[in-house]
Amino acid sequence: MKHVLFICSQNRLRSPTAEQVFANRPGFEVASAGLNSDAAVPASPELIDWADIIFVMETAHRNKLSKRFRPHLKAKRMICLDIPDEFEYMDPGLVRLLETKVGPFFNVR
């Protein structure tokens, strides 16, 4: 079982959408979190440790995550999706972007 973590700022739009889109893929468990102090589900050392791979929505998220959780990221694979904060939850355009950018990862074992 691979553990996949999606990270954005507030965990209200982009990362929860990604979690929902990929929630039922066989062989994977997915979760999402945010880096802001007011995030719906705040990123934590436990979530970082749990994840095998981490997808961040923006370069700023990668930088913030690296700064805040450096000791927990040593052997982690982190991928920046370059998806701007301009989508609503489950926006069809966001879902298409996620399927295009992240979907192939879920097809490879």
N, C-alpha and C. Protein backbone atom coordinates (compact mmCIF):
# COMPACT_ATOMS: atom_id res chain seq x y z
N MET A 1 0.85 -1.18 0.00
CA MET A 1 0.00 0.00 0.00
C MET A 1 0.89 1.24 0.00
N LYS A 2 0.70 2.10 -0.99
CA LYS A 2 1.43 3.37 -1.03
C LYS A 2 0.59 4.47 -0.41
N HIS A 3 1.26 5.35 0.32
CA HIS A 3 0.59 6.47 0.99
C HIS A 3 0.94 7.76 0.26
N VAL A 4 -0.09 8.47 -0.19
CA VAL A 4 0.09 9.69 -0.98
C VAL A 4 -0.54 10.87 -0.22
N LEU A 5 0.26 11.93 -0.07
CA LEU A 5 -0.21 13.13 0.63
C LEU A 5 -0.23 14.31 -0.33
N PHE A 6 -1.36 15.02 -0.35
CA PHE A 6 -1.51 16.23 -1.16
C PHE A 6 -1.49 17.42 -0.22
N ILE A 7 -0.71 18.45 -0.59
CA ILE A 7 -0.53 19.63 0.25
C ILE A 7 -0.88 20.89 -0.53
N CYS A 8 -1.67 21.77 0.11
CA CYS A 8 -1.88 23.13 -0.39
C CYS A 8 -1.82 24.08 0.80
N SER A 9 -2.41 25.23 0.70
CA SER A 9 -2.30 26.22 1.78
C SER A 9 -3.29 25.97 2.91
N GLN A 10 -4.57 25.95 2.58
CA GLN A 10 -5.60 25.88 3.62
C GLN A 10 -6.31 24.55 3.70
N ASN A 11 -6.01 23.63 2.79
CA ASN A 11 -6.65 22.33 2.76
C ASN A 11 -8.17 22.48 2.65
N ARG A 12 -8.59 23.39 1.79
CA ARG A 12 -10.03 23.58 1.59
C ARG A 12 -10.46 23.38 0.13
N LEU A 13 -9.54 23.57 -0.83
CA LEU A 13 -9.94 23.51 -2.23
C LEU A 13 -9.11 22.50 -3.03
N ARG A 14 -7.84 22.82 -3.26
CA ARG A 14 -7.03 21.99 -4.16
C ARG A 14 -6.67 20.62 -3.58
N SER A 15 -6.05 20.58 -2.41
CA SER A 15 -5.63 19.28 -1.88
C SER A 15 -6.81 18.38 -1.51
N PRO A 16 -7.92 18.91 -0.94
CA PRO A 16 -9.05 18.01 -0.71
C PRO A 16 -9.67 17.49 -2.01
N THR A 17 -9.62 18.31 -3.06
CA THR A 17 -10.10 17.83 -4.36
C THR A 17 -9.24 16.67 -4.83
N ALA A 18 -7.92 16.82 -4.72
CA ALA A 18 -7.01 15.74 -5.12
C ALA A 18 -7.27 14.49 -4.29
N GLU A 19 -7.45 14.67 -3.00
CA GLU A 19 -7.74 13.52 -2.13
C GLU A 19 -9.01 12.81 -2.60
N GLN A 20 -10.04 13.56 -2.91
CA GLN A 20 -11.31 12.99 -3.37
C GLN A 20 -11.15 12.28 -4.71
N VAL A 21 -10.45 12.91 -5.64
CA VAL A 21 -10.28 12.35 -6.98
C VAL A 21 -9.55 11.00 -6.93
N PHE A 22 -8.56 10.88 -6.07
CA PHE A 22 -7.73 9.67 -6.05
C PHE A 22 -8.02 8.74 -4.88
N ALA A 23 -9.10 8.98 -4.15
CA ALA A 23 -9.41 8.24 -2.92
C ALA A 23 -9.63 6.74 -3.13
N ASN A 24 -10.17 6.36 -4.25
CA ASN A 24 -10.54 4.95 -4.42
C ASN A 24 -9.62 4.17 -5.34
N ARG A 25 -8.40 4.63 -5.50
CA ARG A 25 -7.46 3.90 -6.36
C ARG A 25 -6.92 2.70 -5.60
N PRO A 26 -7.00 1.50 -6.18
CA PRO A 26 -6.52 0.32 -5.49
C PRO A 26 -5.01 0.38 -5.24
N GLY A 27 -4.61 -0.04 -4.05
CA GLY A 27 -3.20 -0.07 -3.69
C GLY A 27 -2.68 1.24 -3.13
N PHE A 28 -3.56 2.23 -2.98
CA PHE A 28 -3.14 3.54 -2.50
C PHE A 28 -4.05 4.02 -1.37
N GLU A 29 -3.44 4.71 -0.44
CA GLU A 29 -4.18 5.47 0.55
C GLU A 29 -3.79 6.92 0.34
N VAL A 30 -4.76 7.82 0.36
CA VAL A 30 -4.48 9.23 0.13
C VAL A 30 -4.98 10.07 1.29
N ALA A 31 -4.31 11.19 1.48
CA ALA A 31 -4.70 12.16 2.50
C ALA A 31 -4.33 13.54 1.98
N SER A 32 -4.85 14.57 2.64
CA SER A 32 -4.50 15.93 2.26
C SER A 32 -4.34 16.78 3.51
N ALA A 33 -3.57 17.85 3.35
CA ALA A 33 -3.32 18.75 4.48
C ALA A 33 -2.95 20.12 3.93
N GLY A 34 -2.94 21.10 4.83
CA GLY A 34 -2.57 22.46 4.46
C GLY A 34 -1.44 22.98 5.32
N LEU A 35 -0.74 23.96 4.80
CA LEU A 35 0.41 24.52 5.49
C LEU A 35 0.11 25.77 6.31
N ASN A 36 -1.03 26.40 6.05
CA ASN A 36 -1.36 27.60 6.82
C ASN A 36 -1.85 27.21 8.22
N SER A 37 -1.74 28.16 9.14
CA SER A 37 -2.17 27.89 10.52
C SER A 37 -3.67 27.65 10.62
N ASP A 38 -4.44 28.17 9.65
CA ASP A 38 -5.89 27.98 9.67
C ASP A 38 -6.36 26.86 8.74
N ALA A 39 -5.46 25.96 8.38
CA ALA A 39 -5.81 24.87 7.48
C ALA A 39 -6.85 23.96 8.11
N ALA A 40 -7.74 23.42 7.27
CA ALA A 40 -8.77 22.48 7.75
C ALA A 40 -8.11 21.28 8.42
N VAL A 41 -7.09 20.72 7.77
CA VAL A 41 -6.25 19.67 8.35
C VAL A 41 -4.82 20.16 8.22
N PRO A 42 -4.20 20.57 9.31
CA PRO A 42 -2.84 21.09 9.24
C PRO A 42 -1.82 19.98 8.97
N ALA A 43 -0.82 20.31 8.16
CA ALA A 43 0.29 19.38 7.94
C ALA A 43 0.97 19.12 9.28
N SER A 44 1.41 17.89 9.49
CA SER A 44 2.04 17.52 10.75
C SER A 44 3.20 16.56 10.48
N PRO A 45 4.11 16.45 11.43
CA PRO A 45 5.20 15.47 11.27
C PRO A 45 4.66 14.05 11.05
N GLU A 46 3.56 13.72 11.72
CA GLU A 46 2.98 12.38 11.58
C GLU A 46 2.49 12.12 10.16
N LEU A 47 1.83 13.11 9.56
CA LEU A 47 1.36 12.96 8.17
C LEU A 47 2.54 12.85 7.21
N ILE A 48 3.55 13.66 7.44
CA ILE A 48 4.74 13.62 6.57
C ILE A 48 5.41 12.25 6.69
N ASP A 49 5.54 11.75 7.91
CA ASP A 49 6.16 10.44 8.11
C ASP A 49 5.33 9.33 7.46
N TRP A 50 4.01 9.46 7.49
CA TRP A 50 3.10 8.47 6.92
C TRP A 50 3.25 8.38 5.40
N ALA A 51 3.50 9.52 4.75
CA ALA A 51 3.48 9.59 3.28
C ALA A 51 4.70 8.94 2.64
N ASP A 52 4.46 8.24 1.53
CA ASP A 52 5.55 7.74 0.70
C ASP A 52 5.91 8.77 -0.36
N ILE A 53 4.91 9.51 -0.80
CA ILE A 53 5.12 10.57 -1.80
C ILE A 53 4.22 11.74 -1.44
N ILE A 54 4.74 12.94 -1.67
CA ILE A 54 4.01 14.16 -1.34
C ILE A 54 3.88 15.01 -2.60
N PHE A 55 2.65 15.37 -2.92
CA PHE A 55 2.39 16.29 -4.03
C PHE A 55 2.03 17.64 -3.44
N VAL A 56 2.77 18.67 -3.82
CA VAL A 56 2.46 20.04 -3.40
C VAL A 56 1.90 20.78 -4.60
N MET A 57 1.03 21.76 -4.35
CA MET A 57 0.38 22.47 -5.44
C MET A 57 1.26 23.56 -6.05
N GLU A 58 2.13 24.18 -5.24
CA GLU A 58 2.95 25.30 -5.71
C GLU A 58 4.37 25.20 -5.16
N THR A 59 5.29 25.88 -5.81
CA THR A 59 6.68 25.92 -5.35
C THR A 59 6.76 26.48 -3.93
N ALA A 60 5.93 27.48 -3.62
CA ALA A 60 5.92 28.06 -2.27
C ALA A 60 5.59 26.99 -1.22
N HIS A 61 4.73 26.05 -1.57
CA HIS A 61 4.40 24.96 -0.64
C HIS A 61 5.60 24.06 -0.42
N ARG A 62 6.32 23.76 -1.50
CA ARG A 62 7.53 22.93 -1.37
C ARG A 62 8.53 23.62 -0.44
N ASN A 63 8.73 24.92 -0.64
CA ASN A 63 9.69 25.66 0.18
C ASN A 63 9.27 25.69 1.64
N LYS A 64 8.00 25.96 1.89
CA LYS A 64 7.49 26.04 3.26
C LYS A 64 7.56 24.67 3.94
N LEU A 65 7.19 23.64 3.21
CA LEU A 65 7.24 22.28 3.74
C LEU A 65 8.67 21.88 4.07
N SER A 66 9.60 22.20 3.16
CA SER A 66 11.01 21.88 3.38
C SER A 66 11.57 22.60 4.60
N LYS A 67 11.17 23.83 4.77
CA LYS A 67 11.66 24.61 5.91
C LYS A 67 11.09 24.08 7.23
N ARG A 68 9.81 23.81 7.24
CA ARG A 68 9.12 23.44 8.48
C ARG A 68 9.34 21.98 8.89
N PHE A 69 9.48 21.09 7.90
CA PHE A 69 9.53 19.66 8.20
C PHE A 69 10.79 18.97 7.68
N ARG A 70 11.87 19.71 7.53
CA ARG A 70 13.11 19.18 6.95
C ARG A 70 13.50 17.81 7.50
N PRO A 71 13.54 17.61 8.83
CA PRO A 71 13.98 16.30 9.34
C PRO A 71 13.08 15.14 8.91
N HIS A 72 11.85 15.42 8.59
CA HIS A 72 10.90 14.36 8.21
C HIS A 72 10.87 14.10 6.71
N LEU A 73 11.59 14.90 5.94
CA LEU A 73 11.53 14.81 4.47
C LEU A 73 12.74 14.13 3.85
N LYS A 74 13.66 13.65 4.66
CA LYS A 74 14.94 13.13 4.16
C LYS A 74 14.80 12.15 2.99
N ALA A 75 13.96 11.14 3.13
CA ALA A 75 13.85 10.13 2.08
C ALA A 75 12.53 10.22 1.32
N LYS A 76 11.89 11.37 1.40
CA LYS A 76 10.57 11.52 0.76
C LYS A 76 10.71 12.04 -0.66
N ARG A 77 9.83 11.56 -1.51
CA ARG A 77 9.73 12.08 -2.86
C ARG A 77 8.66 13.17 -2.84
N MET A 78 9.03 14.36 -3.27
CA MET A 78 8.10 15.49 -3.29
C MET A 78 8.00 16.00 -4.72
N ILE A 79 6.77 16.16 -5.20
CA ILE A 79 6.54 16.62 -6.57
C ILE A 79 5.67 17.87 -6.53
N CYS A 80 6.13 18.92 -7.22
CA CYS A 80 5.36 20.16 -7.32
C CYS A 80 4.50 20.10 -8.57
N LEU A 81 3.20 20.31 -8.40
CA LEU A 81 2.25 20.22 -9.51
C LEU A 81 2.05 21.53 -10.26
N ASP A 82 2.51 22.64 -9.69
CA ASP A 82 2.32 23.96 -10.32
C ASP A 82 0.85 24.23 -10.67
N ILE A 83 0.00 24.03 -9.68
CA ILE A 83 -1.43 24.31 -9.85
C ILE A 83 -1.77 25.54 -9.01
N PRO A 84 -2.11 26.66 -9.66
CA PRO A 84 -2.37 27.90 -8.93
C PRO A 84 -3.66 27.85 -8.12
N ASP A 85 -3.77 28.75 -7.17
CA ASP A 85 -4.93 28.83 -6.28
C ASP A 85 -6.04 29.63 -6.96
N GLU A 86 -6.63 29.03 -7.99
CA GLU A 86 -7.69 29.73 -8.73
C GLU A 86 -8.86 28.80 -9.02
N PHE A 87 -8.99 27.74 -8.25
CA PHE A 87 -10.05 26.76 -8.47
C PHE A 87 -10.89 26.58 -7.22
N GLU A 88 -12.14 26.21 -7.42
CA GLU A 88 -13.02 25.85 -6.33
C GLU A 88 -12.90 24.34 -6.08
N TYR A 89 -13.43 23.88 -4.97
CA TYR A 89 -13.43 22.46 -4.65
C TYR A 89 -14.15 21.68 -5.75
N MET A 90 -13.52 20.64 -6.24
CA MET A 90 -14.03 19.76 -7.29
C MET A 90 -14.33 20.48 -8.61
N ASP A 91 -13.70 21.61 -8.85
CA ASP A 91 -13.82 22.33 -10.12
C ASP A 91 -13.41 21.37 -11.25
N PRO A 92 -14.22 21.24 -12.30
CA PRO A 92 -13.87 20.31 -13.39
C PRO A 92 -12.49 20.59 -14.00
N GLY A 93 -12.10 21.85 -14.09
CA GLY A 93 -10.77 22.18 -14.62
C GLY A 93 -9.67 21.69 -13.71
N LEU A 94 -9.88 21.79 -12.41
CA LEU A 94 -8.90 21.29 -11.43
C LEU A 94 -8.82 19.77 -11.50
N VAL A 95 -9.96 19.12 -11.59
CA VAL A 95 -9.99 17.66 -11.68
C VAL A 95 -9.21 17.20 -12.92
N ARG A 96 -9.41 17.86 -14.06
CA ARG A 96 -8.69 17.51 -15.29
C ARG A 96 -7.19 17.69 -15.11
N LEU A 97 -6.79 18.82 -14.51
CA LEU A 97 -5.36 19.06 -14.26
C LEU A 97 -4.77 17.98 -13.38
N LEU A 98 -5.45 17.63 -12.32
CA LEU A 98 -4.97 16.60 -11.41
C LEU A 98 -4.86 15.25 -12.11
N GLU A 99 -5.86 14.90 -12.89
CA GLU A 99 -5.82 13.63 -13.62
C GLU A 99 -4.63 13.59 -14.58
N THR A 100 -4.37 14.73 -15.23
CA THR A 100 -3.26 14.80 -16.18
C THR A 100 -1.90 14.72 -15.47
N LYS A 101 -1.75 15.49 -14.40
CA LYS A 101 -0.45 15.61 -13.74
C LYS A 101 -0.16 14.50 -12.74
N VAL A 102 -1.19 14.00 -12.06
CA VAL A 102 -1.00 13.01 -11.00
C VAL A 102 -1.46 11.63 -11.42
N GLY A 103 -2.46 11.56 -12.27
CA GLY A 103 -3.03 10.28 -12.68
C GLY A 103 -2.03 9.22 -13.08
N PRO A 104 -1.01 9.56 -13.90
CA PRO A 104 -0.04 8.53 -14.31
C PRO A 104 0.69 7.87 -13.12
N PHE A 105 0.89 8.60 -12.03
CA PHE A 105 1.54 8.02 -10.86
C PHE A 105 0.72 6.85 -10.31
N PHE A 106 -0.60 6.98 -10.36
CA PHE A 106 -1.47 5.94 -9.82
C PHE A 106 -1.61 4.75 -10.76
N ASN A 107 -1.12 4.86 -11.98
CA ASN A 107 -1.16 3.77 -12.93
C ASN A 107 0.13 2.97 -12.93
N VAL A 108 1.13 3.43 -12.17
CA VAL A 108 2.43 2.75 -12.10
C VAL A 108 2.56 2.15 -10.71
N ARG A 109 3.00 0.95 -10.64
CA ARG A 109 3.16 0.29 -9.33
C ARG A 109 4.62 0.20 -8.96
